Amino acid sequence: MGNMNFVSFRELRTSTGKINDMLAGNGKIVVTSNGKPKAIMLQVSESDFEETLVIINQIKLARTINNIRSSARSNGASAMTLTEIDAEIQASRKEKRARQTQSENRV
């Protein structure tokens, strides 16, 4: 991981000035808990704050999509045909309508 700085949450609480200097020097810090990475701190400026948030959200979306694809491969859903997918959607919608009808009838 090259020139990456690692600090613990404990260090983050007790040495904020030092960590601020590290962040200014390298632009990023990995925050750890029990020696395992838990968060990444990135240096941002007022001018690139929103752009940075957009990029982070794009990364999170890409990770979510990869997780969904991996799950689909492991449970066989990736091999479904469009007809099977449409049937699943219709069954799910029918089940949802039935639950809504039951809920309305109780009121």
N, C-alpha and C. Protein backbone atom coordinates (compact mmCIF):
# COMPACT_ATOMS: atom_id res chain seq x y z
N MET A 1 0.81 -1.19 0.00
CA MET A 1 0.00 0.00 0.00
C MET A 1 0.85 1.25 0.00
N GLY A 2 2.08 1.08 -0.31
CA GLY A 2 2.95 2.22 -0.53
C GLY A 2 3.08 3.18 0.63
N ASN A 3 2.78 4.43 0.37
CA ASN A 3 3.00 5.51 1.31
C ASN A 3 1.74 5.80 2.13
N MET A 4 1.04 4.75 2.58
CA MET A 4 -0.21 4.90 3.30
C MET A 4 0.05 5.01 4.79
N ASN A 5 -0.61 5.96 5.45
CA ASN A 5 -0.52 6.10 6.89
C ASN A 5 -1.67 5.36 7.55
N PHE A 6 -1.37 4.60 8.61
CA PHE A 6 -2.37 3.88 9.38
C PHE A 6 -2.39 4.44 10.79
N VAL A 7 -3.58 4.72 11.30
CA VAL A 7 -3.73 5.16 12.68
C VAL A 7 -4.94 4.45 13.29
N SER A 8 -4.89 4.25 14.58
CA SER A 8 -6.02 3.61 15.26
C SER A 8 -7.05 4.65 15.66
N PHE A 9 -8.26 4.19 15.96
CA PHE A 9 -9.28 5.11 16.46
C PHE A 9 -8.81 5.77 17.75
N ARG A 10 -8.08 5.04 18.56
CA ARG A 10 -7.55 5.60 19.80
C ARG A 10 -6.61 6.77 19.50
N GLU A 11 -5.70 6.57 18.53
CA GLU A 11 -4.79 7.66 18.14
C GLU A 11 -5.58 8.84 17.58
N LEU A 12 -6.64 8.53 16.86
CA LEU A 12 -7.47 9.59 16.28
C LEU A 12 -8.05 10.47 17.38
N ARG A 13 -8.46 9.85 18.49
CA ARG A 13 -9.01 10.62 19.62
C ARG A 13 -7.94 11.41 20.36
N THR A 14 -6.77 10.81 20.52
CA THR A 14 -5.77 11.42 21.41
C THR A 14 -4.74 12.29 20.70
N SER A 15 -4.57 12.13 19.41
CA SER A 15 -3.51 12.86 18.69
C SER A 15 -4.04 13.54 17.44
N THR A 16 -5.11 14.28 17.58
CA THR A 16 -5.74 14.86 16.39
C THR A 16 -4.82 15.83 15.65
N GLY A 17 -4.00 16.59 16.37
CA GLY A 17 -3.09 17.51 15.70
C GLY A 17 -2.08 16.79 14.84
N LYS A 18 -1.50 15.73 15.37
CA LYS A 18 -0.53 14.93 14.62
C LYS A 18 -1.18 14.30 13.40
N ILE A 19 -2.39 13.80 13.59
CA ILE A 19 -3.10 13.14 12.49
C ILE A 19 -3.50 14.16 11.42
N ASN A 20 -3.88 15.35 11.84
CA ASN A 20 -4.18 16.42 10.88
C ASN A 20 -2.95 16.73 10.03
N ASP A 21 -1.78 16.77 10.66
CA ASP A 21 -0.54 17.00 9.91
C ASP A 21 -0.26 15.86 8.94
N MET A 22 -0.50 14.62 9.38
CA MET A 22 -0.29 13.45 8.51
C MET A 22 -1.23 13.53 7.31
N LEU A 23 -2.46 13.92 7.56
CA LEU A 23 -3.44 14.03 6.48
C LEU A 23 -3.04 15.12 5.49
N ALA A 24 -2.56 16.22 6.01
CA ALA A 24 -2.11 17.30 5.13
C ALA A 24 -0.91 16.87 4.29
N GLY A 25 -0.07 16.01 4.85
CA GLY A 25 1.13 15.57 4.14
C GLY A 25 0.85 14.53 3.08
N ASN A 26 -0.03 13.58 3.36
CA ASN A 26 -0.25 12.45 2.45
C ASN A 26 -1.60 12.51 1.75
N GLY A 27 -2.58 13.18 2.33
CA GLY A 27 -3.89 13.29 1.70
C GLY A 27 -4.85 12.18 2.05
N LYS A 28 -4.33 11.12 2.70
CA LYS A 28 -5.22 10.02 3.07
C LYS A 28 -4.62 9.27 4.26
N ILE A 29 -5.52 8.75 5.08
CA ILE A 29 -5.13 7.96 6.25
C ILE A 29 -6.12 6.81 6.38
N VAL A 30 -5.61 5.63 6.71
CA VAL A 30 -6.46 4.49 7.01
C VAL A 30 -6.62 4.44 8.52
N VAL A 31 -7.87 4.41 8.97
CA VAL A 31 -8.15 4.32 10.40
C VAL A 31 -8.45 2.86 10.71
N THR A 32 -7.80 2.35 11.76
CA THR A 32 -7.92 0.94 12.10
C THR A 32 -8.59 0.74 13.46
N SER A 33 -9.12 -0.45 13.63
CA SER A 33 -9.65 -0.90 14.91
C SER A 33 -9.15 -2.31 15.12
N ASN A 34 -8.45 -2.52 16.21
CA ASN A 34 -7.83 -3.82 16.47
C ASN A 34 -6.94 -4.26 15.32
N GLY A 35 -6.25 -3.31 14.73
CA GLY A 35 -5.31 -3.60 13.66
C GLY A 35 -5.93 -3.83 12.29
N LYS A 36 -7.25 -3.73 12.18
CA LYS A 36 -7.92 -3.98 10.91
C LYS A 36 -8.48 -2.66 10.36
N PRO A 37 -8.37 -2.45 9.05
CA PRO A 37 -8.87 -1.20 8.45
C PRO A 37 -10.38 -1.07 8.64
N LYS A 38 -10.82 0.10 9.06
CA LYS A 38 -12.25 0.35 9.27
C LYS A 38 -12.73 1.59 8.53
N ALA A 39 -11.84 2.53 8.24
CA ALA A 39 -12.26 3.77 7.58
C ALA A 39 -11.07 4.38 6.84
N ILE A 40 -11.38 5.23 5.89
CA ILE A 40 -10.36 5.98 5.18
C ILE A 40 -10.69 7.47 5.32
N MET A 41 -9.71 8.23 5.75
CA MET A 41 -9.87 9.68 5.81
C MET A 41 -9.19 10.28 4.60
N LEU A 42 -9.89 11.17 3.91
CA LEU A 42 -9.34 11.84 2.74
C LEU A 42 -9.31 13.33 2.98
N GLN A 43 -8.23 13.96 2.57
CA GLN A 43 -8.15 15.40 2.65
C GLN A 43 -9.01 16.00 1.55
N VAL A 44 -9.84 16.95 1.89
CA VAL A 44 -10.67 17.63 0.89
C VAL A 44 -10.59 19.13 1.13
N SER A 45 -10.87 19.84 0.09
CA SER A 45 -10.96 21.29 0.22
C SER A 45 -12.41 21.69 -0.01
N GLU A 46 -12.73 22.90 0.31
CA GLU A 46 -14.08 23.38 0.11
C GLU A 46 -14.48 23.28 -1.36
N SER A 47 -13.52 23.51 -2.25
CA SER A 47 -13.83 23.50 -3.68
C SER A 47 -14.03 22.11 -4.27
N ASP A 48 -13.44 21.07 -3.66
CA ASP A 48 -13.62 19.73 -4.23
C ASP A 48 -14.43 18.80 -3.32
N PHE A 49 -15.03 19.35 -2.28
CA PHE A 49 -15.79 18.54 -1.33
C PHE A 49 -16.94 17.79 -2.00
N GLU A 50 -17.79 18.50 -2.73
CA GLU A 50 -18.95 17.86 -3.37
C GLU A 50 -18.53 16.84 -4.41
N GLU A 51 -17.52 17.17 -5.20
CA GLU A 51 -17.03 16.22 -6.22
C GLU A 51 -16.50 14.95 -5.55
N THR A 52 -15.81 15.11 -4.43
CA THR A 52 -15.28 13.96 -3.70
C THR A 52 -16.43 13.08 -3.19
N LEU A 53 -17.48 13.69 -2.67
CA LEU A 53 -18.64 12.91 -2.22
C LEU A 53 -19.29 12.16 -3.37
N VAL A 54 -19.39 12.78 -4.53
CA VAL A 54 -19.97 12.10 -5.70
C VAL A 54 -19.13 10.88 -6.06
N ILE A 55 -17.82 11.04 -6.07
CA ILE A 55 -16.93 9.93 -6.42
C ILE A 55 -17.03 8.81 -5.39
N ILE A 56 -17.09 9.16 -4.11
CA ILE A 56 -17.24 8.14 -3.07
C ILE A 56 -18.55 7.39 -3.25
N ASN A 57 -19.62 8.09 -3.56
CA ASN A 57 -20.91 7.43 -3.80
C ASN A 57 -20.86 6.52 -5.02
N GLN A 58 -20.13 6.92 -6.06
CA GLN A 58 -19.97 6.07 -7.24
C GLN A 58 -19.22 4.79 -6.89
N ILE A 59 -18.21 4.91 -6.05
CA ILE A 59 -17.44 3.74 -5.61
C ILE A 59 -18.33 2.81 -4.79
N LYS A 60 -19.12 3.38 -3.88
CA LYS A 60 -20.02 2.56 -3.07
C LYS A 60 -21.04 1.84 -3.95
N LEU A 61 -21.57 2.53 -4.97
CA LEU A 61 -22.52 1.92 -5.88
C LEU A 61 -21.87 0.77 -6.66
N ALA A 62 -20.66 1.00 -7.15
CA ALA A 62 -19.95 -0.05 -7.90
C ALA A 62 -19.71 -1.27 -7.00
N ARG A 63 -19.36 -1.03 -5.74
CA ARG A 63 -19.13 -2.15 -4.81
C ARG A 63 -20.43 -2.90 -4.57
N THR A 64 -21.54 -2.16 -4.42
CA THR A 64 -22.85 -2.80 -4.22
C THR A 64 -23.23 -3.65 -5.42
N ILE A 65 -23.02 -3.12 -6.61
CA ILE A 65 -23.33 -3.87 -7.84
C ILE A 65 -22.47 -5.13 -7.91
N ASN A 66 -21.19 -5.02 -7.60
CA ASN A 66 -20.32 -6.20 -7.61
C ASN A 66 -20.79 -7.24 -6.60
N ASN A 67 -21.24 -6.80 -5.42
CA ASN A 67 -21.74 -7.73 -4.41
C ASN A 67 -23.01 -8.43 -4.88
N ILE A 68 -23.89 -7.67 -5.55
CA ILE A 68 -25.13 -8.26 -6.08
C ILE A 68 -24.79 -9.29 -7.15
N ARG A 69 -23.86 -8.94 -8.04
CA ARG A 69 -23.47 -9.89 -9.10
C ARG A 69 -22.85 -11.15 -8.51
N SER A 70 -22.01 -10.98 -7.51
CA SER A 70 -21.38 -12.13 -6.87
C SER A 70 -22.43 -13.02 -6.20
N SER A 71 -23.37 -12.39 -5.54
CA SER A 71 -24.45 -13.14 -4.89
C SER A 71 -25.28 -13.88 -5.93
N ALA A 72 -25.56 -13.23 -7.05
CA ALA A 72 -26.35 -13.85 -8.11
C ALA A 72 -25.61 -15.05 -8.70
N ARG A 73 -24.29 -14.93 -8.84
CA ARG A 73 -23.52 -16.08 -9.34
C ARG A 73 -23.54 -17.24 -8.35
N SER A 74 -23.43 -16.92 -7.06
CA SER A 74 -23.34 -17.99 -6.07
C SER A 74 -24.68 -18.68 -5.84
N ASN A 75 -25.81 -17.97 -6.02
CA ASN A 75 -27.10 -18.63 -5.80
C ASN A 75 -27.79 -19.04 -7.10
N GLY A 76 -27.10 -18.89 -8.22
CA GLY A 76 -27.63 -19.35 -9.50
C GLY A 76 -28.53 -18.36 -10.22
N ALA A 77 -28.80 -17.23 -9.61
CA ALA A 77 -29.70 -16.26 -10.24
C ALA A 77 -29.12 -15.69 -11.52
N SER A 78 -27.81 -15.70 -11.67
CA SER A 78 -27.21 -15.13 -12.88
C SER A 78 -27.49 -15.99 -14.11
N ALA A 79 -27.92 -17.22 -13.89
CA ALA A 79 -28.21 -18.10 -15.01
C ALA A 79 -29.68 -18.06 -15.43
N MET A 80 -30.47 -17.23 -14.75
CA MET A 80 -31.90 -17.15 -15.07
C MET A 80 -32.12 -16.53 -16.44
N THR A 81 -33.14 -17.02 -17.12
CA THR A 81 -33.53 -16.43 -18.40
C THR A 81 -34.41 -15.21 -18.13
N LEU A 82 -34.61 -14.39 -19.15
CA LEU A 82 -35.50 -13.24 -19.00
C LEU A 82 -36.92 -13.67 -18.65
N THR A 83 -37.36 -14.77 -19.19
CA THR A 83 -38.70 -15.29 -18.89
C THR A 83 -38.79 -15.65 -17.41
N GLU A 84 -37.75 -16.30 -16.88
CA GLU A 84 -37.74 -16.66 -15.46
C GLU A 84 -37.69 -15.42 -14.57
N ILE A 85 -36.92 -14.44 -14.99
CA ILE A 85 -36.84 -13.18 -14.24
C ILE A 85 -38.20 -12.49 -14.22
N ASP A 86 -38.86 -12.41 -15.37
CA ASP A 86 -40.18 -11.80 -15.45
C ASP A 86 -41.18 -12.54 -14.56
N ALA A 87 -41.10 -13.86 -14.54
CA ALA A 87 -42.00 -14.66 -13.69
C ALA A 87 -41.76 -14.36 -12.21
N GLU A 88 -40.50 -14.22 -11.82
CA GLU A 88 -40.17 -13.87 -10.43
C GLU A 88 -40.73 -12.50 -10.07
N ILE A 89 -40.58 -11.56 -10.97
CA ILE A 89 -41.09 -10.21 -10.72
C ILE A 89 -42.60 -10.24 -10.56
N GLN A 90 -43.28 -10.93 -11.46
CA GLN A 90 -44.75 -11.02 -11.39
C GLN A 90 -45.19 -11.69 -10.09
N ALA A 91 -44.51 -12.76 -9.69
CA ALA A 91 -44.87 -13.44 -8.44
C ALA A 91 -44.66 -12.53 -7.24
N SER A 92 -43.59 -11.79 -7.26
CA SER A 92 -43.30 -10.86 -6.16
C SER A 92 -44.35 -9.76 -6.10
N ARG A 93 -44.73 -9.22 -7.24
CA ARG A 93 -45.76 -8.17 -7.27
C ARG A 93 -47.10 -8.71 -6.79
N LYS A 94 -47.43 -9.93 -7.20
CA LYS A 94 -48.69 -10.55 -6.78
C LYS A 94 -48.70 -10.75 -5.27
N GLU A 95 -47.60 -11.20 -4.73
CA GLU A 95 -47.49 -11.39 -3.28
C GLU A 95 -47.61 -10.05 -2.54
N LYS A 96 -46.99 -9.00 -3.08
CA LYS A 96 -47.06 -7.68 -2.46
C LYS A 96 -48.50 -7.16 -2.48
N ARG A 97 -49.19 -7.32 -3.61
CA ARG A 97 -50.58 -6.88 -3.69
C ARG A 97 -51.46 -7.64 -2.69
N ALA A 98 -51.20 -8.92 -2.53
CA ALA A 98 -51.98 -9.73 -1.59
C ALA A 98 -51.76 -9.24 -0.15
N ARG A 99 -50.52 -8.92 0.20
CA ARG A 99 -50.22 -8.39 1.54
C ARG A 99 -50.89 -7.05 1.75
N GLN A 100 -50.88 -6.19 0.73
CA GLN A 100 -51.52 -4.89 0.84
C GLN A 100 -53.03 -5.04 1.02
N THR A 101 -53.63 -5.95 0.29
CA THR A 101 -55.07 -6.20 0.39
C THR A 101 -55.42 -6.70 1.79
N GLN A 102 -54.62 -7.62 2.31
CA GLN A 102 -54.85 -8.13 3.67
C GLN A 102 -54.74 -7.00 4.69
N SER A 103 -53.75 -6.15 4.51
CA SER A 103 -53.54 -5.04 5.43
C SER A 103 -54.72 -4.06 5.38
N GLU A 104 -55.23 -3.78 4.18
CA GLU A 104 -56.37 -2.87 4.02
C GLU A 104 -57.63 -3.46 4.62
N ASN A 105 -57.80 -4.78 4.51
CA ASN A 105 -59.00 -5.45 5.04
C ASN A 105 -59.01 -5.46 6.57
N ARG A 106 -57.85 -5.37 7.19
CA ARG A 106 -57.79 -5.36 8.65
C ARG A 106 -58.22 -4.02 9.23
N VAL A 107 -58.08 -2.98 8.43
CA VAL A 107 -58.40 -1.63 8.91
C VAL A 107 -59.84 -1.37 8.89
